[in-house]
């Protein structure tokens, strides 16, 4: 058997967790194939066929010819990132309201919280309407 050393090749397969596993051969593709679980279909692709943008890696699925994105999983990831960003913006205002710090206007803090709610409501709507991963990233300002 001839051993192929190709640094630009990757082995991809659908993992049990639902994502796509990417094996980077260190010596040869043939040797790396031992790392593919027995009976699991795989593909040997070039590095150009593996998305360089890992933002939605958790939403990768193995398509007929390459790695695709599951748009519903992309949206779920986008919403998680939206919620985390919103919580970060809320944190200082939550502290003002929760601690009722003297001399700090809780009404002003609540008004600022509403501005944040409105902003992230618009982002939520944009994510829900998105048809591509790039549209979700744009909605998140990425």
N, C-alpha and C. Protein backbone atom coordinates (compact mmCIF):
# COMPACT_ATOMS: atom_id res chain seq x y z
N UNK A 1 0.85 -1.18 0.00
CA UNK A 1 0.00 0.00 0.00
C UNK A 1 0.90 1.24 0.00
N UNK A 2 0.54 2.21 -0.82
CA UNK A 2 1.28 3.45 -0.87
C UNK A 2 0.73 4.39 0.19
N UNK A 3 1.62 5.02 0.93
CA UNK A 3 1.19 5.96 1.96
C UNK A 3 1.21 7.35 1.38
N UNK A 4 0.10 8.06 1.51
CA UNK A 4 -0.01 9.40 0.97
C UNK A 4 0.18 10.43 2.08
N UNK A 5 1.18 11.27 1.92
CA UNK A 5 1.39 12.35 2.87
C UNK A 5 0.86 13.62 2.23
N UNK A 6 -0.24 14.11 2.75
CA UNK A 6 -0.87 15.30 2.17
C UNK A 6 -1.24 16.25 3.30
N UNK A 7 -0.48 17.30 3.46
CA UNK A 7 -0.78 18.23 4.55
C UNK A 7 -2.02 19.06 4.26
N UNK A 8 -2.48 19.05 3.02
CA UNK A 8 -3.68 19.83 2.71
C UNK A 8 -4.95 18.99 2.71
N UNK A 9 -4.88 17.77 3.23
CA UNK A 9 -6.06 16.92 3.27
C UNK A 9 -6.57 16.78 4.70
N UNK A 10 -7.88 16.59 4.81
CA UNK A 10 -8.54 16.38 6.08
C UNK A 10 -9.52 15.22 5.91
N UNK A 11 -9.77 14.52 7.00
CA UNK A 11 -10.78 13.47 7.02
C UNK A 11 -11.94 14.02 7.85
N UNK A 12 -13.13 13.97 7.28
CA UNK A 12 -14.30 14.49 7.99
C UNK A 12 -15.35 13.39 8.11
N UNK A 13 -16.06 13.41 9.23
CA UNK A 13 -17.16 12.48 9.43
C UNK A 13 -18.14 13.08 10.44
N UNK A 14 -19.38 12.60 10.38
CA UNK A 14 -20.41 13.05 11.31
C UNK A 14 -20.15 12.40 12.66
N UNK A 15 -20.00 13.21 13.69
CA UNK A 15 -19.72 12.67 15.02
C UNK A 15 -21.01 12.25 15.71
N UNK A 16 -20.86 11.46 16.75
CA UNK A 16 -22.03 11.00 17.51
C UNK A 16 -22.78 12.17 18.14
N UNK A 17 -22.06 13.24 18.47
CA UNK A 17 -22.68 14.39 19.13
C UNK A 17 -23.45 15.28 18.16
N UNK A 18 -23.38 14.96 16.86
CA UNK A 18 -24.15 15.72 15.88
C UNK A 18 -23.33 16.70 15.08
N UNK A 19 -22.11 16.96 15.48
CA UNK A 19 -21.26 17.87 14.72
C UNK A 19 -20.43 17.11 13.70
N UNK A 20 -19.47 17.80 13.13
CA UNK A 20 -18.57 17.18 12.18
C UNK A 20 -17.19 17.11 12.81
N UNK A 21 -16.64 15.91 12.83
CA UNK A 21 -15.27 15.72 13.31
C UNK A 21 -14.32 15.96 12.14
N UNK A 22 -13.22 16.63 12.43
CA UNK A 22 -12.20 16.90 11.41
C UNK A 22 -10.89 16.32 11.92
N UNK A 23 -10.35 15.37 11.17
CA UNK A 23 -9.07 14.78 11.52
C UNK A 23 -8.01 15.39 10.62
N UNK A 24 -6.94 15.87 11.23
CA UNK A 24 -5.82 16.44 10.49
C UNK A 24 -4.70 15.40 10.51
N UNK A 25 -4.47 14.75 9.38
CA UNK A 25 -3.42 13.74 9.35
C UNK A 25 -2.05 14.36 9.65
N UNK A 26 -1.27 13.69 10.50
CA UNK A 26 0.07 14.20 10.81
C UNK A 26 1.12 13.52 9.96
N UNK A 27 0.88 12.27 9.58
CA UNK A 27 1.84 11.56 8.75
C UNK A 27 1.25 11.24 7.39
N UNK A 28 0.13 10.53 7.41
CA UNK A 28 -0.52 10.17 6.15
C UNK A 28 -2.01 10.01 6.38
N UNK A 29 -2.76 10.15 5.31
CA UNK A 29 -4.21 9.98 5.38
C UNK A 29 -4.53 8.54 5.78
N UNK A 30 -3.83 7.59 5.21
CA UNK A 30 -4.09 6.18 5.51
C UNK A 30 -3.93 5.89 7.00
N UNK A 31 -2.85 6.40 7.60
CA UNK A 31 -2.64 6.19 9.03
C UNK A 31 -3.71 6.88 9.86
N UNK A 32 -4.14 8.04 9.43
CA UNK A 32 -5.15 8.79 10.19
C UNK A 32 -6.53 8.14 10.14
N UNK A 33 -6.78 7.32 9.12
CA UNK A 33 -8.09 6.68 9.00
C UNK A 33 -8.40 5.77 10.19
N UNK A 34 -7.38 5.33 10.93
CA UNK A 34 -7.61 4.49 12.11
C UNK A 34 -8.39 5.24 13.18
N UNK A 35 -8.40 6.58 13.10
CA UNK A 35 -9.09 7.38 14.10
C UNK A 35 -10.58 7.58 13.79
N UNK A 36 -11.00 7.15 12.61
CA UNK A 36 -12.43 7.22 12.26
C UNK A 36 -13.11 6.02 12.91
N UNK A 37 -14.19 6.26 13.68
CA UNK A 37 -14.88 5.12 14.30
C UNK A 37 -15.31 4.09 13.26
N UNK A 38 -15.22 2.83 13.63
CA UNK A 38 -15.56 1.74 12.73
C UNK A 38 -17.00 1.85 12.24
N UNK A 39 -17.17 1.70 10.95
CA UNK A 39 -18.50 1.71 10.34
C UNK A 39 -19.07 3.10 10.07
N UNK A 40 -18.33 4.15 10.44
CA UNK A 40 -18.82 5.51 10.23
C UNK A 40 -18.34 6.01 8.86
N UNK A 41 -19.28 6.47 8.01
CA UNK A 41 -18.87 7.00 6.71
C UNK A 41 -18.00 8.25 6.89
N UNK A 42 -17.04 8.41 6.03
CA UNK A 42 -16.14 9.56 6.10
C UNK A 42 -15.84 10.06 4.69
N UNK A 43 -15.27 11.23 4.63
CA UNK A 43 -14.82 11.80 3.37
C UNK A 43 -13.41 12.33 3.56
N UNK A 44 -12.62 12.25 2.51
CA UNK A 44 -11.31 12.88 2.51
C UNK A 44 -11.45 14.12 1.64
N UNK A 45 -11.17 15.27 2.24
CA UNK A 45 -11.36 16.55 1.55
C UNK A 45 -10.07 17.37 1.66
N UNK A 46 -10.01 18.44 0.91
CA UNK A 46 -8.87 19.36 1.03
C UNK A 46 -9.17 20.38 2.10
N UNK A 47 -8.16 21.07 2.55
CA UNK A 47 -8.35 22.10 3.58
C UNK A 47 -9.30 23.19 3.10
N UNK A 48 -9.34 23.42 1.80
CA UNK A 48 -10.24 24.45 1.25
C UNK A 48 -11.71 24.08 1.41
N UNK A 49 -11.98 22.79 1.60
CA UNK A 49 -13.36 22.33 1.73
C UNK A 49 -13.85 22.33 3.18
N UNK A 50 -12.96 22.66 4.12
CA UNK A 50 -13.34 22.78 5.53
C UNK A 50 -13.49 24.27 5.81
N UNK A 51 -14.64 24.70 6.30
CA UNK A 51 -14.83 26.14 6.54
C UNK A 51 -13.73 26.72 7.42
N UNK A 52 -13.20 27.84 7.00
CA UNK A 52 -12.16 28.50 7.80
C UNK A 52 -12.80 29.31 8.94
N UNK A 53 -14.04 29.68 8.78
CA UNK A 53 -14.77 30.41 9.81
C UNK A 53 -15.40 29.40 10.77
N UNK A 54 -14.92 29.40 12.00
CA UNK A 54 -15.38 28.42 12.99
C UNK A 54 -16.50 28.96 13.89
N UNK A 55 -17.04 30.11 13.56
CA UNK A 55 -18.04 30.77 14.41
C UNK A 55 -19.22 29.84 14.71
N UNK A 56 -19.67 29.11 13.70
CA UNK A 56 -20.81 28.20 13.87
C UNK A 56 -20.39 26.74 13.77
N UNK A 57 -19.20 26.42 14.23
CA UNK A 57 -18.71 25.04 14.12
C UNK A 57 -19.67 24.05 14.77
N UNK A 58 -20.32 24.44 15.83
CA UNK A 58 -21.27 23.55 16.48
C UNK A 58 -22.49 23.23 15.63
N UNK A 59 -22.65 23.92 14.51
CA UNK A 59 -23.79 23.70 13.61
C UNK A 59 -23.37 23.02 12.31
N UNK A 60 -22.12 22.57 12.24
CA UNK A 60 -21.67 21.88 11.04
C UNK A 60 -22.34 20.52 10.93
N UNK A 61 -22.72 20.17 9.71
CA UNK A 61 -23.24 18.85 9.40
C UNK A 61 -22.57 18.38 8.11
N UNK A 62 -22.46 17.08 7.99
CA UNK A 62 -21.83 16.51 6.80
C UNK A 62 -22.86 16.43 5.69
N UNK A 63 -22.62 17.16 4.62
CA UNK A 63 -23.50 17.13 3.46
C UNK A 63 -23.05 16.06 2.48
N UNK A 64 -23.64 16.08 1.30
CA UNK A 64 -23.29 15.08 0.28
C UNK A 64 -21.85 15.23 -0.21
N UNK A 65 -21.38 16.46 -0.23
CA UNK A 65 -20.05 16.69 -0.80
C UNK A 65 -19.11 17.44 0.14
N UNK A 66 -19.65 17.94 1.21
CA UNK A 66 -18.81 18.83 2.01
C UNK A 66 -19.48 19.11 3.36
N UNK A 67 -18.92 20.08 4.06
CA UNK A 67 -19.50 20.48 5.34
C UNK A 67 -20.52 21.59 5.08
N UNK A 68 -21.71 21.39 5.59
CA UNK A 68 -22.78 22.38 5.49
C UNK A 68 -23.08 22.90 6.89
N UNK A 69 -23.92 23.92 6.95
CA UNK A 69 -24.38 24.47 8.23
C UNK A 69 -25.86 24.13 8.41
N UNK A 70 -26.21 23.62 9.57
CA UNK A 70 -27.61 23.43 9.94
C UNK A 70 -28.10 24.79 10.41
N UNK A 71 -28.96 25.43 9.64
CA UNK A 71 -29.36 26.81 9.92
C UNK A 71 -30.08 26.92 11.26
N UNK A 72 -30.85 25.91 11.64
CA UNK A 72 -31.53 25.97 12.95
C UNK A 72 -30.52 25.94 14.09
N UNK A 73 -29.47 25.12 13.95
CA UNK A 73 -28.43 25.10 14.97
C UNK A 73 -27.66 26.42 14.98
N UNK A 74 -27.43 27.01 13.81
CA UNK A 74 -26.77 28.32 13.73
C UNK A 74 -27.60 29.37 14.46
N UNK A 75 -28.90 29.32 14.28
CA UNK A 75 -29.78 30.27 14.96
C UNK A 75 -29.72 30.07 16.47
N UNK A 76 -29.70 28.81 16.92
CA UNK A 76 -29.61 28.55 18.36
C UNK A 76 -28.30 29.09 18.92
N UNK A 77 -27.20 28.90 18.20
CA UNK A 77 -25.91 29.44 18.63
C UNK A 77 -25.98 30.96 18.65
N UNK A 78 -26.57 31.54 17.62
CA UNK A 78 -26.72 32.99 17.55
C UNK A 78 -27.52 33.54 18.72
N UNK A 79 -28.61 32.85 19.08
CA UNK A 79 -29.42 33.30 20.20
C UNK A 79 -28.65 33.18 21.52
N UNK A 80 -27.86 32.12 21.67
CA UNK A 80 -27.03 31.99 22.88
C UNK A 80 -26.05 33.15 22.99
N UNK A 81 -25.43 33.51 21.87
CA UNK A 81 -24.48 34.62 21.87
C UNK A 81 -25.20 35.95 22.13
N UNK A 82 -26.42 36.08 21.60
CA UNK A 82 -27.23 37.28 21.82
C UNK A 82 -27.58 37.41 23.30
N UNK A 83 -28.00 36.31 23.90
CA UNK A 83 -28.37 36.34 25.32
C UNK A 83 -27.17 36.69 26.20
N UNK A 84 -26.00 36.14 25.87
CA UNK A 84 -24.80 36.43 26.65
C UNK A 84 -24.41 37.90 26.53
N UNK A 85 -24.50 38.45 25.34
CA UNK A 85 -24.16 39.87 25.14
C UNK A 85 -25.16 40.77 25.87
N UNK A 86 -26.43 40.40 25.81
CA UNK A 86 -27.46 41.18 26.51
C UNK A 86 -27.22 41.15 28.02
N UNK A 87 -26.92 39.99 28.56
CA UNK A 87 -26.66 39.86 30.00
C UNK A 87 -25.47 40.71 30.42
N UNK A 88 -24.46 40.76 29.57
CA UNK A 88 -23.28 41.58 29.87
C UNK A 88 -23.64 43.06 29.92
N UNK A 89 -24.50 43.50 29.00
CA UNK A 89 -24.93 44.90 29.01
C UNK A 89 -25.86 45.21 30.18
N UNK A 90 -26.66 44.22 30.56
CA UNK A 90 -27.58 44.41 31.69
C UNK A 90 -26.85 44.48 33.03
N UNK A 91 -25.73 43.78 33.17
CA UNK A 91 -25.08 43.58 34.47
C UNK A 91 -24.91 44.86 35.30
N UNK A 92 -24.33 45.93 34.76
CA UNK A 92 -24.16 47.11 35.61
C UNK A 92 -25.49 47.75 36.01
N UNK A 93 -26.48 47.65 35.14
CA UNK A 93 -27.80 48.23 35.44
C UNK A 93 -28.55 47.36 36.45
N UNK A 94 -28.39 46.05 36.33
CA UNK A 94 -29.00 45.14 37.30
C UNK A 94 -28.46 45.43 38.69
N UNK A 95 -27.17 45.71 38.76
CA UNK A 95 -26.54 45.99 40.04
C UNK A 95 -27.13 47.25 40.67
N UNK A 96 -27.33 48.28 39.85
CA UNK A 96 -27.92 49.53 40.35
C UNK A 96 -29.31 49.28 40.91
N UNK A 97 -30.11 48.52 40.17
CA UNK A 97 -31.49 48.27 40.59
C UNK A 97 -31.53 47.35 41.81
N UNK A 98 -30.73 46.28 41.79
CA UNK A 98 -30.76 45.32 42.88
C UNK A 98 -30.23 45.90 44.19
N UNK A 99 -29.18 46.70 44.10
CA UNK A 99 -28.56 47.23 45.32
C UNK A 99 -29.20 48.53 45.78
N UNK A 100 -30.03 49.12 44.92
CA UNK A 100 -30.66 50.40 45.23
C UNK A 100 -29.63 51.38 45.80
N UNK A 101 -28.60 51.61 45.01
CA UNK A 101 -27.49 52.46 45.41
C UNK A 101 -27.99 53.90 45.57
N UNK A 102 -27.75 54.49 46.75
CA UNK A 102 -28.20 55.88 46.97
C UNK A 102 -27.52 56.83 45.98
N UNK A 103 -28.29 57.78 45.53
CA UNK A 103 -27.76 58.78 44.61
C UNK A 103 -27.74 58.33 43.16
N UNK A 104 -28.13 57.09 42.90
CA UNK A 104 -28.17 56.58 41.54
C UNK A 104 -29.64 56.40 41.18
N UNK A 105 -30.01 56.93 40.07
CA UNK A 105 -31.40 56.94 39.64
C UNK A 105 -31.81 55.57 39.07
N UNK A 106 -32.61 54.83 39.84
CA UNK A 106 -33.08 53.51 39.39
C UNK A 106 -34.03 53.64 38.20
N UNK A 107 -34.75 54.74 38.11
CA UNK A 107 -35.66 54.95 36.97
C UNK A 107 -34.85 55.11 35.69
N UNK A 108 -33.76 55.84 35.78
CA UNK A 108 -32.88 56.01 34.63
C UNK A 108 -32.26 54.66 34.24
N UNK A 109 -31.86 53.88 35.23
CA UNK A 109 -31.29 52.55 34.96
C UNK A 109 -32.32 51.65 34.27
N UNK A 110 -33.56 51.71 34.74
CA UNK A 110 -34.60 50.89 34.12
C UNK A 110 -34.87 51.35 32.69
N UNK A 111 -34.82 52.65 32.44
CA UNK A 111 -34.99 53.16 31.07
C UNK A 111 -33.86 52.66 30.17
N UNK A 112 -32.66 52.62 30.70
CA UNK A 112 -31.51 52.11 29.94
C UNK A 112 -31.68 50.61 29.67
N UNK A 113 -32.23 49.90 30.64
CA UNK A 113 -32.50 48.47 30.45
C UNK A 113 -33.51 48.25 29.32
N UNK A 114 -34.50 49.13 29.23
CA UNK A 114 -35.49 48.99 28.17
C UNK A 114 -34.86 49.21 26.79
N UNK A 115 -33.93 50.15 26.70
CA UNK A 115 -33.22 50.39 25.44
C UNK A 115 -32.47 49.11 25.03
N UNK A 116 -31.85 48.47 26.01
CA UNK A 116 -31.12 47.23 25.74
C UNK A 116 -32.10 46.13 25.31
N UNK A 117 -33.23 46.02 26.00
CA UNK A 117 -34.25 45.02 25.62
C UNK A 117 -34.68 45.22 24.17
N UNK A 118 -34.95 46.48 23.81
CA UNK A 118 -35.40 46.77 22.44
C UNK A 118 -34.32 46.41 21.42
N UNK A 119 -33.09 46.76 21.72
CA UNK A 119 -31.96 46.45 20.82
C UNK A 119 -31.88 44.94 20.58
N UNK A 120 -31.93 44.17 21.65
CA UNK A 120 -31.77 42.73 21.51
C UNK A 120 -33.03 42.05 20.99
N UNK A 121 -34.16 42.68 21.12
CA UNK A 121 -35.37 42.17 20.49
C UNK A 121 -35.24 42.28 18.97
N UNK A 122 -34.70 43.40 18.51
CA UNK A 122 -34.46 43.57 17.07
C UNK A 122 -33.45 42.55 16.55
N UNK A 123 -32.41 42.29 17.34
CA UNK A 123 -31.41 41.29 16.95
C UNK A 123 -32.05 39.91 16.91
N UNK A 124 -32.91 39.61 17.89
CA UNK A 124 -33.60 38.32 17.90
C UNK A 124 -34.44 38.16 16.64
N UNK A 125 -35.17 39.19 16.27
CA UNK A 125 -36.00 39.12 15.05
C UNK A 125 -35.13 38.90 13.81
N UNK A 126 -33.98 39.57 13.75
CA UNK A 126 -33.08 39.42 12.60
C UNK A 126 -32.51 38.00 12.53
N UNK A 127 -32.17 37.43 13.68
CA UNK A 127 -31.67 36.05 13.70
C UNK A 127 -32.77 35.10 13.24
N UNK A 128 -33.98 35.29 13.76
CA UNK A 128 -35.09 34.41 13.37
C UNK A 128 -35.39 34.48 11.87
N UNK A 129 -35.19 35.64 11.27
CA UNK A 129 -35.47 35.81 9.84
C UNK A 129 -34.30 35.41 8.95
N UNK A 130 -33.14 35.19 9.53
CA UNK A 130 -31.93 34.89 8.74
C UNK A 130 -32.07 33.56 7.99
N UNK A 131 -31.48 33.54 6.81
CA UNK A 131 -31.49 32.33 6.00
C UNK A 131 -30.10 31.74 5.82
N UNK A 132 -29.07 32.48 6.25
CA UNK A 132 -27.69 32.00 6.12
C UNK A 132 -26.92 32.30 7.40
N UNK A 133 -25.84 31.57 7.63
CA UNK A 133 -25.00 31.88 8.79
C UNK A 133 -24.46 33.31 8.75
N UNK A 134 -24.12 33.79 7.57
CA UNK A 134 -23.60 35.16 7.47
C UNK A 134 -24.63 36.21 7.88
N UNK A 135 -25.90 35.95 7.59
CA UNK A 135 -26.95 36.88 8.01
C UNK A 135 -27.08 36.88 9.53
N UNK A 136 -26.89 35.73 10.16
CA UNK A 136 -26.93 35.66 11.63
C UNK A 136 -25.77 36.42 12.21
N UNK A 137 -24.58 36.23 11.65
CA UNK A 137 -23.40 36.97 12.13
C UNK A 137 -23.62 38.47 11.96
N UNK A 138 -24.19 38.87 10.85
CA UNK A 138 -24.44 40.31 10.62
C UNK A 138 -25.42 40.84 11.66
N UNK A 139 -26.43 40.07 12.00
CA UNK A 139 -27.41 40.49 13.01
C UNK A 139 -26.72 40.69 14.37
N UNK A 140 -25.69 39.88 14.63
CA UNK A 140 -24.95 39.97 15.89
C UNK A 140 -23.84 41.02 15.83
N UNK A 141 -23.67 41.64 14.67
CA UNK A 141 -22.62 42.65 14.53
C UNK A 141 -21.24 42.04 14.40
N UNK A 142 -21.16 40.84 13.89
CA UNK A 142 -19.87 40.14 13.72
C UNK A 142 -19.43 40.14 12.28
